[in-house]
C-alpha cells in the first residue's frame, strides 16, 4: 500500500506537490476545485507541468482527485442533479489534465419519504452515471465511495454499492473504501479478525478488483453510529490493530493508495498519520486461507 494524505491546492499545484514531497507522501489526493461549489478556476498549464514533474521525480502516485461533497447524483430536483452531473464530468476532464488516475465521489441522498433500501435513488444514480460517462470518455476512472449512512445517504452498504458499480464496465467505474464510513455503517473494523472477514465480504459482493483507493480514516463515533467524523489513524474507535489488518491484507492490489483525510489539528498532523501508517505496514507473512497477518 502506498500512503498519502489529502492536500490543499491553495497556492497552486506545484505548491501542493512540494508539500507532498516534504511530508514523504507516496500518493496524494486533492480537490481540483472548491468543494463548496461555484465555477472552477482554470488550471494553469505551467503550474500543472511543474507539479507533474515533481511528482514523477519523487515517485508520488497515483494522483487522486476527490469530487466536491455537494454532489447528489440521486437528486429528484432536476437542476441539482444536472449540476452534479456537469461538475463530475468536468472533474474527470480536469483530473485527466492533471495526470490523475481516479476521481472519487460521494453518491448522494434519497428523499426522506422514499423506501429505506434506496432503490429509486439508486436508479436515478445509474441514470446520472450513464450521462456522465457519455460526456467523458477518457482514461480517468470514476470511483464510488461508501458512506456512513448518515441521514438519507445512499451507498453505505456493500450491497447498495454493488447495485451501482456492477452496471458499468470495470475500466470506467470502480470503488473507494472509506474505513470511517464503513465503521459508522456498522462494519466492525476494530476487530482484526472481523476486518479480514469484512474485506472478504467486500470481495464477494463488490469484487476487490473494483477497489482502487482506500481512505484510511479512524472514527470519532461509535460502531453503527451512522456518523462521519474522522479521527487520526489508531486514535479513534477503530484502533491500530484494525488498521494493521487492513493495510497488510494480501488480497488488496499491490500499491493501492491509502489516503488519510484526518483532522488537520496540529502542525504535524499529516506527518504523524503517515508515520503511524508506515509503522503498521509489515513485511507480509500471511495465511493463505484467511489472509490474516501472522507476526
C-alpha atoms as a PDB file:
ATOM      1  CA  UNK A   1       0.000   0.000   0.000  1.00  0.00           C
ATOM      2  CA  UNK A   2       1.182   3.496  -0.886  1.00  0.00           C
ATOM      3  CA  UNK A   3       0.392   6.122   1.738  1.00  0.00           C
ATOM      4  CA  UNK A   4      -0.645   9.714   1.224  1.00  0.00           C
ATOM      5  CA  UNK A   5      -2.882  12.486   2.516  1.00  0.00           C
ATOM      6  CA  UNK A   6      -5.435  14.904   1.135  1.00  0.00           C
ATOM      7  CA  UNK A   7      -3.679  18.222   0.458  1.00  0.00           C
ATOM      8  CA  UNK A   8      -4.918  21.702  -0.350  1.00  0.00           C
ATOM      9  CA  UNK A   9      -4.254  23.196  -3.791  1.00  0.00           C
ATOM     10  CA  UNK A  10      -4.424  26.756  -2.461  1.00  0.00           C
ATOM     11  CA  UNK A  11      -1.391  28.422  -3.955  1.00  0.00           C
ATOM     12  CA  UNK A  12      -1.266  26.089  -6.940  1.00  0.00           C
ATOM     13  CA  UNK A  13      -0.464  22.552  -7.962  1.00  0.00           C
ATOM     14  CA  UNK A  14       3.293  22.978  -7.743  1.00  0.00           C
ATOM     15  CA  UNK A  15       2.974  24.137  -4.131  1.00  0.00           C
ATOM     16  CA  UNK A  16       0.809  21.088  -3.379  1.00  0.00           C
ATOM     17  CA  UNK A  17       3.414  18.779  -4.928  1.00  0.00           C
ATOM     18  CA  UNK A  18       6.207  20.318  -2.859  1.00  0.00           C
ATOM     19  CA  UNK A  19       4.104  19.822   0.285  1.00  0.00           C
ATOM     20  CA  UNK A  20       3.588  16.164  -0.649  1.00  0.00           C
ATOM     21  CA  UNK A  21       7.335  15.730  -1.106  1.00  0.00           C
ATOM     22  CA  UNK A  22       8.050  17.375   2.234  1.00  0.00           C
ATOM     23  CA  UNK A  23       5.647  15.022   4.001  1.00  0.00           C
ATOM     24  CA  UNK A  24       7.124  11.943   2.355  1.00  0.00           C
ATOM     25  CA  UNK A  25       3.896  11.048   0.558  1.00  0.00           C
ATOM     26  CA  UNK A  26       3.846   8.082  -1.801  1.00  0.00           C
ATOM     27  CA  UNK A  27       0.484   9.108  -3.264  1.00  0.00           C
ATOM     28  CA  UNK A  28      -1.700  12.189  -2.806  1.00  0.00           C
ATOM     29  CA  UNK A  29      -5.320  13.337  -3.081  1.00  0.00           C
ATOM     30  CA  UNK A  30      -6.659  16.806  -3.898  1.00  0.00           C
ATOM     31  CA  UNK A  31      -9.769  18.695  -4.878  1.00  0.00           C
ATOM     32  CA  UNK A  32      -9.347  20.116  -8.370  1.00  0.00           C
ATOM     33  CA  UNK A  33     -11.778  22.933  -7.497  1.00  0.00           C
ATOM     34  CA  UNK A  34     -13.512  24.437  -4.483  1.00  0.00           C
ATOM     35  CA  UNK A  35     -15.512  21.698  -2.722  1.00  0.00           C
ATOM     36  CA  UNK A  36     -18.138  24.314  -1.863  1.00  0.00           C
ATOM     37  CA  UNK A  37     -19.233  24.889  -5.462  1.00  0.00           C
ATOM     38  CA  UNK A  38     -19.038  27.713  -7.957  1.00  0.00           C
ATOM     39  CA  UNK A  39     -17.158  27.955 -11.220  1.00  0.00           C
ATOM     40  CA  UNK A  40     -13.879  26.051 -11.243  1.00  0.00           C
ATOM     41  CA  UNK A  41     -10.721  28.100 -11.685  1.00  0.00           C
ATOM     42  CA  UNK A  42      -8.810  27.293 -14.885  1.00  0.00           C
ATOM     43  CA  UNK A  43      -5.815  25.017 -14.460  1.00  0.00           C
ATOM     44  CA  UNK A  44      -2.562  26.821 -15.293  1.00  0.00           C
ATOM     45  CA  UNK A  45      -0.538  24.733 -17.779  1.00  0.00           C
ATOM     46  CA  UNK A  46       2.889  25.705 -16.432  1.00  0.00           C
ATOM     47  CA  UNK A  47       1.852  25.061 -12.854  1.00  0.00           C
ATOM     48  CA  UNK A  48       0.399  21.665 -13.799  1.00  0.00           C
ATOM     49  CA  UNK A  49       3.539  20.734 -15.748  1.00  0.00           C
ATOM     50  CA  UNK A  50       5.792  21.564 -12.783  1.00  0.00           C
ATOM     51  CA  UNK A  51       3.547  19.538 -10.472  1.00  0.00           C
ATOM     52  CA  UNK A  52       3.679  16.523 -12.782  1.00  0.00           C
ATOM     53  CA  UNK A  53       7.460  16.722 -12.999  1.00  0.00           C
ATOM     54  CA  UNK A  54       7.866  16.927  -9.224  1.00  0.00           C
ATOM     55  CA  UNK A  55       5.505  14.029  -8.541  1.00  0.00           C
ATOM     56  CA  UNK A  56       7.249  11.906 -11.161  1.00  0.00           C
ATOM     57  CA  UNK A  57      10.732  12.728  -9.872  1.00  0.00           C
ATOM     58  CA  UNK A  58       9.742  11.706  -6.342  1.00  0.00           C
ATOM     59  CA  UNK A  59       7.669   8.659  -7.355  1.00  0.00           C
ATOM     60  CA  UNK A  60       4.455  10.051  -5.876  1.00  0.00           C
ATOM     61  CA  UNK A  61       1.423   8.486  -7.449  1.00  0.00           C
ATOM     62  CA  UNK A  62      -1.206   7.920  -8.392  1.00  0.00           C
ATOM     63  CA  UNK A  63      -2.682  11.372  -8.006  1.00  0.00           C
ATOM     64  CA  UNK A  64      -6.303  11.063  -6.829  1.00  0.00           C
ATOM     65  CA  UNK A  65      -8.918  13.792  -7.267  1.00  0.00           C
ATOM     66  CA  UNK A  66     -11.871  13.982  -4.881  1.00  0.00           C
ATOM     67  CA  UNK A  67     -15.071  15.486  -6.263  1.00  0.00           C
ATOM     68  CA  UNK A  68     -16.889  18.181  -4.253  1.00  0.00           C
ATOM     69  CA  UNK A  69     -19.036  16.959  -1.375  1.00  0.00           C
ATOM     70  CA  UNK A  70     -22.240  18.673  -2.543  1.00  0.00           C
ATOM     71  CA  UNK A  71     -22.708  16.273  -5.467  1.00  0.00           C
ATOM     72  CA  UNK A  72     -26.034  14.426  -5.375  1.00  0.00           C
ATOM     73  CA  UNK A  73     -26.426  12.071  -8.304  1.00  0.00           C
ATOM     74  CA  UNK A  74     -29.740  10.842  -6.881  1.00  0.00           C
ATOM     75  CA  UNK A  75     -31.443  14.217  -6.514  1.00  0.00           C
ATOM     76  CA  UNK A  76     -35.088  14.474  -7.569  1.00  0.00           C
ATOM     77  CA  UNK A  77     -34.537  18.173  -8.277  1.00  0.00           C
ATOM     78  CA  UNK A  78     -33.505  18.208 -11.920  1.00  0.00           C
ATOM     79  CA  UNK A  79     -31.393  21.356 -11.602  1.00  0.00           C
ATOM     80  CA  UNK A  80     -29.358  19.891  -8.711  1.00  0.00           C
ATOM     81  CA  UNK A  81     -28.912  16.550 -10.449  1.00  0.00           C
ATOM     82  CA  UNK A  82     -27.875  18.270 -13.701  1.00  0.00           C
ATOM     83  CA  UNK A  83     -25.350  20.433 -11.848  1.00  0.00           C
ATOM     84  CA  UNK A  84     -23.905  17.357 -10.111  1.00  0.00           C
ATOM     85  CA  UNK A  85     -23.539  15.614 -13.466  1.00  0.00           C
ATOM     86  CA  UNK A  86     -21.856  18.651 -15.011  1.00  0.00           C
ATOM     87  CA  UNK A  87     -19.400  19.095 -12.116  1.00  0.00           C
ATOM     88  CA  UNK A  88     -18.427  15.430 -12.021  1.00  0.00           C
ATOM     89  CA  UNK A  89     -17.893  15.278 -15.794  1.00  0.00           C
ATOM     90  CA  UNK A  90     -15.752  18.423 -15.523  1.00  0.00           C
ATOM     91  CA  UNK A  91     -13.760  16.912 -12.661  1.00  0.00           C
ATOM     92  CA  UNK A  92     -12.982  13.817 -14.729  1.00  0.00           C
ATOM     93  CA  UNK A  93     -11.651  16.043 -17.510  1.00  0.00           C
ATOM     94  CA  UNK A  94      -9.687  18.219 -15.075  1.00  0.00           C
ATOM     95  CA  UNK A  95      -8.247  15.082 -13.475  1.00  0.00           C
ATOM     96  CA  UNK A  96      -7.043  13.936 -16.886  1.00  0.00           C
ATOM     97  CA  UNK A  97      -5.316  17.288 -17.421  1.00  0.00           C
ATOM     98  CA  UNK A  98      -3.652  16.881 -14.013  1.00  0.00           C
ATOM     99  CA  UNK A  99      -2.474  13.371 -14.868  1.00  0.00           C
ATOM    100  CA  UNK A 100      -4.632  11.806 -12.140  1.00  0.00           C
ATOM    101  CA  UNK A 101      -5.766   8.212 -12.319  1.00  0.00           C
ATOM    102  CA  UNK A 102      -9.025   8.464 -10.393  1.00  0.00           C
ATOM    103  CA  UNK A 103     -11.862  10.742  -9.338  1.00  0.00           C
ATOM    104  CA  UNK A 104     -13.562   9.730  -6.076  1.00  0.00           C
ATOM    105  CA  UNK A 105     -17.144  10.832  -5.484  1.00  0.00           C
ATOM    106  CA  UNK A 106     -19.815  10.525  -2.838  1.00  0.00           C
ATOM    107  CA  UNK A 107     -23.041   9.327  -4.427  1.00  0.00           C
ATOM    108  CA  UNK A 108     -25.854  11.352  -2.928  1.00  0.00           C
ATOM    109  CA  UNK A 109     -29.073  11.180  -0.949  1.00  0.00           C
ATOM    110  CA  UNK A 110     -32.568   9.800  -1.292  1.00  0.00           C
ATOM    111  CA  UNK A 111     -35.717  11.672  -0.281  1.00  0.00           C
ATOM    112  CA  UNK A 112     -36.911  11.085   3.310  1.00  0.00           C
ATOM    113  CA  UNK A 113     -40.204   9.617   2.058  1.00  0.00           C
ATOM    114  CA  UNK A 114     -38.507   7.038  -0.169  1.00  0.00           C
ATOM    115  CA  UNK A 115     -38.048   3.392   0.906  1.00  0.00           C
ATOM    116  CA  UNK A 116     -35.119   2.693   3.209  1.00  0.00           C
ATOM    117  CA  UNK A 117     -33.449   0.428   0.633  1.00  0.00           C
ATOM    118  CA  UNK A 118     -32.975   3.435  -1.636  1.00  0.00           C
ATOM    119  CA  UNK A 119     -33.877   1.545  -4.831  1.00  0.00           C
ATOM    120  CA  UNK A 120     -35.434   4.585  -6.503  1.00  0.00           C
ATOM    121  CA  UNK A 121     -32.443   6.751  -5.601  1.00  0.00           C
ATOM    122  CA  UNK A 122     -30.043   4.095  -6.882  1.00  0.00           C
ATOM    123  CA  UNK A 123     -31.933   4.028 -10.174  1.00  0.00           C
ATOM    124  CA  UNK A 124     -31.590   7.811 -10.529  1.00  0.00           C
ATOM    125  CA  UNK A 125     -27.892   7.491  -9.720  1.00  0.00           C
ATOM    126  CA  UNK A 126     -27.417   4.958 -12.510  1.00  0.00           C
ATOM    127  CA  UNK A 127     -29.075   7.366 -14.942  1.00  0.00           C
ATOM    128  CA  UNK A 128     -26.754  10.158 -13.760  1.00  0.00           C
ATOM    129  CA  UNK A 129     -23.650   7.992 -14.102  1.00  0.00           C
ATOM    130  CA  UNK A 130     -24.655   6.990 -17.624  1.00  0.00           C
ATOM    131  CA  UNK A 131     -24.923  10.663 -18.554  1.00  0.00           C
ATOM    132  CA  UNK A 132     -21.506  11.400 -17.047  1.00  0.00           C
ATOM    133  CA  UNK A 133     -19.845   8.554 -18.920  1.00  0.00           C
ATOM    134  CA  UNK A 134     -21.469   9.761 -22.147  1.00  0.00           C
ATOM    135  CA  UNK A 135     -19.930  13.190 -21.531  1.00  0.00           C
ATOM    136  CA  UNK A 136     -16.462  11.905 -20.573  1.00  0.00           C
ATOM    137  CA  UNK A 137     -14.776   9.013 -22.380  1.00  0.00           C
ATOM    138  CA  UNK A 138     -11.158   9.499 -21.272  1.00  0.00           C
ATOM    139  CA  UNK A 139      -8.861   7.282 -19.202  1.00  0.00           C
ATOM    140  CA  UNK A 140      -9.639   8.581 -15.695  1.00  0.00           C
ATOM    141  CA  UNK A 141     -11.651   6.072 -13.671  1.00  0.00           C
ATOM    142  CA  UNK A 142     -14.610   7.188 -11.559  1.00  0.00           C
ATOM    143  CA  UNK A 143     -14.704   5.692  -8.057  1.00  0.00           C
ATOM    144  CA  UNK A 144     -17.875   5.457  -5.956  1.00  0.00           C
ATOM    145  CA  UNK A 145     -17.214   5.855  -2.238  1.00  0.00           C
ATOM    146  CA  UNK A 146     -19.115   4.072   0.521  1.00  0.00           C
ATOM    147  CA  UNK A 147     -20.882   6.306   3.040  1.00  0.00           C
ATOM    148  CA  UNK A 148     -21.712   6.091   6.736  1.00  0.00           C
ATOM    149  CA  UNK A 149     -25.460   6.091   6.051  1.00  0.00           C
ATOM    150  CA  UNK A 150     -25.895   9.444   7.778  1.00  0.00           C
ATOM    151  CA  UNK A 151     -29.318  10.980   7.209  1.00  0.00           C
ATOM    152  CA  UNK A 152     -30.617   9.962   3.785  1.00  0.00           C
ATOM    153  CA  UNK A 153     -27.230   8.967   2.309  1.00  0.00           C
ATOM    154  CA  UNK A 154     -27.207   6.064  -0.132  1.00  0.00           C
ATOM    155  CA  UNK A 155     -24.334   3.707  -0.881  1.00  0.00           C
ATOM    156  CA  UNK A 156     -23.481   2.834   2.724  1.00  0.00           C
ATOM    157  CA  UNK A 157     -23.705  -0.949   2.302  1.00  0.00           C
ATOM    158  CA  UNK A 158     -21.666  -3.189   0.031  1.00  0.00           C
ATOM    159  CA  UNK A 159     -24.908  -4.452  -1.492  1.00  0.00           C
ATOM    160  CA  UNK A 160     -26.044  -0.938  -2.454  1.00  0.00           C
ATOM    161  CA  UNK A 161     -22.663  -0.084  -3.975  1.00  0.00           C
ATOM    162  CA  UNK A 162     -22.721  -3.353  -5.879  1.00  0.00           C
ATOM    163  CA  UNK A 163     -26.039  -2.427  -7.492  1.00  0.00           C
ATOM    164  CA  UNK A 164     -24.275   0.612  -8.928  1.00  0.00           C
ATOM    165  CA  UNK A 165     -20.746  -0.448  -9.797  1.00  0.00           C
ATOM    166  CA  UNK A 166     -21.703  -3.729 -11.479  1.00  0.00           C
ATOM    167  CA  UNK A 167     -23.824  -1.855 -14.030  1.00  0.00           C
ATOM    168  CA  UNK A 168     -20.741  -0.288 -15.594  1.00  0.00           C
ATOM    169  CA  UNK A 169     -17.538  -1.515 -17.281  1.00  0.00           C
ATOM    170  CA  UNK A 170     -14.715  -2.222 -14.821  1.00  0.00           C
ATOM    171  CA  UNK A 171     -12.365   0.141 -16.655  1.00  0.00           C
ATOM    172  CA  UNK A 172     -14.779   3.074 -16.262  1.00  0.00           C
ATOM    173  CA  UNK A 173     -16.235   2.793 -12.749  1.00  0.00           C
ATOM    174  CA  UNK A 174     -14.768   1.314  -9.565  1.00  0.00           C
ATOM    175  CA  UNK A 175     -14.942   1.812  -5.796  1.00  0.00           C
ATOM    176  CA  UNK A 176     -13.245   3.660  -2.958  1.00  0.00           C
ATOM    177  CA  UNK A 177     -13.451   2.184   0.559  1.00  0.00           C
ATOM    178  CA  UNK A 178     -13.547   4.613   3.479  1.00  0.00           C
ATOM    179  CA  UNK A 179     -12.824   2.919   6.814  1.00  0.00           C
ATOM    180  CA  UNK A 180     -14.522   5.581   8.966  1.00  0.00           C
ATOM    181  CA  UNK A 181     -17.654   5.442   6.834  1.00  0.00           C
ATOM    182  CA  UNK A 182     -17.734   1.649   6.953  1.00  0.00           C
ATOM    183  CA  UNK A 183     -17.367   1.664  10.751  1.00  0.00           C
ATOM    184  CA  UNK A 184     -20.176   4.204  11.016  1.00  0.00           C
ATOM    185  CA  UNK A 185     -22.398   1.965   8.919  1.00  0.00           C
ATOM    186  CA  UNK A 186     -21.728  -0.983  11.227  1.00  0.00           C
ATOM    187  CA  UNK A 187     -18.786  -2.869   9.716  1.00  0.00           C
ATOM    188  CA  UNK A 188     -16.605  -3.624  12.753  1.00  0.00           C
ATOM    189  CA  UNK A 189     -13.084  -2.929  11.538  1.00  0.00           C
ATOM    190  CA  UNK A 190     -11.791  -2.565  15.105  1.00  0.00           C
ATOM    191  CA  UNK A 191     -11.570  -6.357  15.449  1.00  0.00           C
ATOM    192  CA  UNK A 192      -8.696  -7.568  13.224  1.00  0.00           C
ATOM    193  CA  UNK A 193     -10.410 -10.890  12.553  1.00  0.00           C
ATOM    194  CA  UNK A 194     -13.653  -9.168  11.637  1.00  0.00           C
ATOM    195  CA  UNK A 195     -11.707  -6.705   9.462  1.00  0.00           C
ATOM    196  CA  UNK A 196     -10.391  -9.603   7.403  1.00  0.00           C
ATOM    197  CA  UNK A 197     -13.887 -11.033   7.103  1.00  0.00           C
ATOM    198  CA  UNK A 198     -15.243  -7.644   6.040  1.00  0.00           C
ATOM    199  CA  UNK A 199     -12.719  -7.390   3.229  1.00  0.00           C
ATOM    200  CA  UNK A 200     -13.682 -10.921   2.245  1.00  0.00           C
ATOM    201  CA  UNK A 201     -17.327  -9.807   2.099  1.00  0.00           C
ATOM    202  CA  UNK A 202     -16.286  -6.780   0.037  1.00  0.00           C
ATOM    203  CA  UNK A 203     -14.614  -9.151  -2.398  1.00  0.00           C
ATOM    204  CA  UNK A 204     -17.643 -11.431  -2.558  1.00  0.00           C
ATOM    205  CA  UNK A 205     -20.209  -8.661  -3.045  1.00  0.00           C
ATOM    206  CA  UNK A 206     -18.308  -5.944  -4.908  1.00  0.00           C
ATOM    207  CA  UNK A 207     -15.081  -7.611  -6.010  1.00  0.00           C
ATOM    208  CA  UNK A 208     -11.730  -6.354  -4.785  1.00  0.00           C
ATOM    209  CA  UNK A 209     -10.872  -5.847  -8.453  1.00  0.00           C
ATOM    210  CA  UNK A 210     -13.189  -2.793  -8.295  1.00  0.00           C
ATOM    211  CA  UNK A 211     -11.307  -1.312  -5.313  1.00  0.00           C
ATOM    212  CA  UNK A 212      -8.758   1.296  -6.405  1.00  0.00           C
ATOM    213  CA  UNK A 213      -8.382   3.643  -3.389  1.00  0.00           C
ATOM    214  CA  UNK A 214      -8.751   3.235   0.381  1.00  0.00           C
ATOM    215  CA  UNK A 215      -9.421   6.177   2.689  1.00  0.00           C
ATOM    216  CA  UNK A 216      -7.613   5.326   5.938  1.00  0.00           C
ATOM    217  CA  UNK A 217      -9.644   7.316   8.448  1.00  0.00           C
ATOM    218  CA  UNK A 218     -10.259   6.356  12.057  1.00  0.00           C
ATOM    219  CA  UNK A 219     -13.630   7.249  13.611  1.00  0.00           C
ATOM    220  CA  UNK A 220     -14.542   9.541  16.493  1.00  0.00           C
ATOM    221  CA  UNK A 221     -18.014   7.984  16.612  1.00  0.00           C
ATOM    222  CA  UNK A 222     -19.148   4.509  17.604  1.00  0.00           C
ATOM    223  CA  UNK A 223     -19.802   1.418  15.547  1.00  0.00           C
ATOM    224  CA  UNK A 224     -23.073   1.751  13.660  1.00  0.00           C
ATOM    225  CA  UNK A 225     -23.478   5.412  14.641  1.00  0.00           C
ATOM    226  CA  UNK A 226     -24.103   6.459  11.016  1.00  0.00           C
ATOM    227  CA  UNK A 227     -21.876   9.453  11.711  1.00  0.00           C
ATOM    228  CA  UNK A 228     -18.977  10.647   9.558  1.00  0.00           C
ATOM    229  CA  UNK A 229     -16.425  12.070  11.982  1.00  0.00           C
ATOM    230  CA  UNK A 230     -12.817  11.322  11.037  1.00  0.00           C
ATOM    231  CA  UNK A 231     -10.060  10.752  13.601  1.00  0.00           C
ATOM    232  CA  UNK A 232      -6.303  10.217  13.370  1.00  0.00           C
ATOM    233  CA  UNK A 233      -5.202   6.694  12.437  1.00  0.00           C
ATOM    234  CA  UNK A 234      -5.189   4.493  15.536  1.00  0.00           C
ATOM    235  CA  UNK A 235      -6.554   7.206  17.831  1.00  0.00           C
ATOM    236  CA  UNK A 236     -10.231   6.583  17.223  1.00  0.00           C
ATOM    237  CA  UNK A 237     -12.591   3.690  17.808  1.00  0.00           C
ATOM    238  CA  UNK A 238     -11.197   1.518  15.002  1.00  0.00           C
ATOM    239  CA  UNK A 239      -7.719   1.484  16.524  1.00  0.00           C
ATOM    240  CA  UNK A 240      -4.298   0.317  15.437  1.00  0.00           C
ATOM    241  CA  UNK A 241      -4.999  -3.413  15.195  1.00  0.00           C
ATOM    242  CA  UNK A 242      -7.846  -2.910  12.754  1.00  0.00           C
ATOM    243  CA  UNK A 243      -5.715  -0.688  10.538  1.00  0.00           C
ATOM    244  CA  UNK A 244      -2.795  -3.120  10.690  1.00  0.00           C
ATOM    245  CA  UNK A 245      -5.062  -5.833   9.314  1.00  0.00           C
ATOM    246  CA  UNK A 246      -6.422  -3.670   6.514  1.00  0.00           C
ATOM    247  CA  UNK A 247      -3.084  -2.232   5.451  1.00  0.00           C
ATOM    248  CA  UNK A 248      -1.426  -5.623   5.221  1.00  0.00           C
ATOM    249  CA  UNK A 249      -4.237  -7.670   3.701  1.00  0.00           C
ATOM    250  CA  UNK A 250      -2.623  -9.587   0.808  1.00  0.00           C
ATOM    251  CA  UNK A 251      -5.834  -9.601  -1.212  1.00  0.00           C
ATOM    252  CA  UNK A 252      -5.548  -5.864  -1.907  1.00  0.00           C
ATOM    253  CA  UNK A 253      -3.980  -4.701  -5.156  1.00  0.00           C
ATOM    254  CA  UNK A 254      -0.222  -4.133  -4.775  1.00  0.00           C
ATOM    255  CA  UNK A 255       0.499  -0.441  -4.270  1.00  0.00           C
ATOM    256  CA  UNK A 256      -3.132   0.533  -3.728  1.00  0.00           C
ATOM    257  CA  UNK A 257      -3.339   4.156  -2.489  1.00  0.00           C
ATOM    258  CA  UNK A 258      -4.099   4.532   1.221  1.00  0.00           C
ATOM    259  CA  UNK A 259      -5.182   8.155   1.622  1.00  0.00           C
ATOM    260  CA  UNK A 260      -5.651   9.799   5.006  1.00  0.00           C
ATOM    261  CA  UNK A 261      -8.310  12.518   5.337  1.00  0.00           C
ATOM    262  CA  UNK A 262      -7.666  13.037   9.020  1.00  0.00           C
ATOM    263  CA  UNK A 263      -8.078  16.231  11.103  1.00  0.00           C
ATOM    264  CA  UNK A 264      -5.578  18.995  10.419  1.00  0.00           C
ATOM    265  CA  UNK A 265      -5.496  19.959  14.089  1.00  0.00           C
ATOM    266  CA  UNK A 266      -1.747  20.289  14.646  1.00  0.00           C
ATOM    267  CA  UNK A 267       1.272  21.376  12.584  1.00  0.00           C
ATOM    268  CA  UNK A 268       2.490  17.768  12.375  1.00  0.00           C
ATOM    269  CA  UNK A 269      -0.887  16.009  11.986  1.00  0.00           C
ATOM    270  CA  UNK A 270      -0.264  14.726   8.446  1.00  0.00           C
ATOM    271  CA  UNK A 271       3.308  13.657   9.241  1.00  0.00           C
ATOM    272  CA  UNK A 272       2.118  11.823  12.344  1.00  0.00           C
ATOM    273  CA  UNK A 273      -0.581   9.916  10.475  1.00  0.00           C
ATOM    274  CA  UNK A 274       1.811   8.959   7.689  1.00  0.00           C
ATOM    275  CA  UNK A 275       4.349   7.788  10.268  1.00  0.00           C
ATOM    276  CA  UNK A 276       1.704   5.691  12.027  1.00  0.00           C
ATOM    277  CA  UNK A 277       0.584   4.080   8.772  1.00  0.00           C
ATOM    278  CA  UNK A 278       4.157   3.259   7.748  1.00  0.00           C
ATOM    279  CA  UNK A 279       4.785   1.649  11.133  1.00  0.00           C
ATOM    280  CA  UNK A 280       1.798  -0.631  10.531  1.00  0.00           C
ATOM    281  CA  UNK A 281       2.988  -1.704   7.097  1.00  0.00           C
ATOM    282  CA  UNK A 282       4.580  -5.100   7.640  1.00  0.00           C
ATOM    283  CA  UNK A 283       6.639  -7.486   5.612  1.00  0.00           C
ATOM    284  CA  UNK A 284       3.848  -9.938   4.855  1.00  0.00           C
ATOM    285  CA  UNK A 285       3.750 -13.437   6.197  1.00  0.00           C
ATOM    286  CA  UNK A 286       0.167 -14.465   5.619  1.00  0.00           C
ATOM    287  CA  UNK A 287      -2.200 -17.351   5.980  1.00  0.00           C
ATOM    288  CA  UNK A 288      -3.367 -18.390   2.546  1.00  0.00           C
ATOM    289  CA  UNK A 289      -6.879 -19.232   3.717  1.00  0.00           C
ATOM    290  CA  UNK A 290      -7.701 -16.303   5.986  1.00  0.00           C
ATOM    291  CA  UNK A 291      -5.472 -13.548   4.666  1.00  0.00           C
ATOM    292  CA  UNK A 292      -4.736 -12.534   8.273  1.00  0.00           C
ATOM    293  CA  UNK A 293      -1.281 -11.244   9.090  1.00  0.00           C
ATOM    294  CA  UNK A 294       0.844 -13.537  11.205  1.00  0.00           C
ATOM    295  CA  UNK A 295       3.568 -11.895  13.219  1.00  0.00           C
END
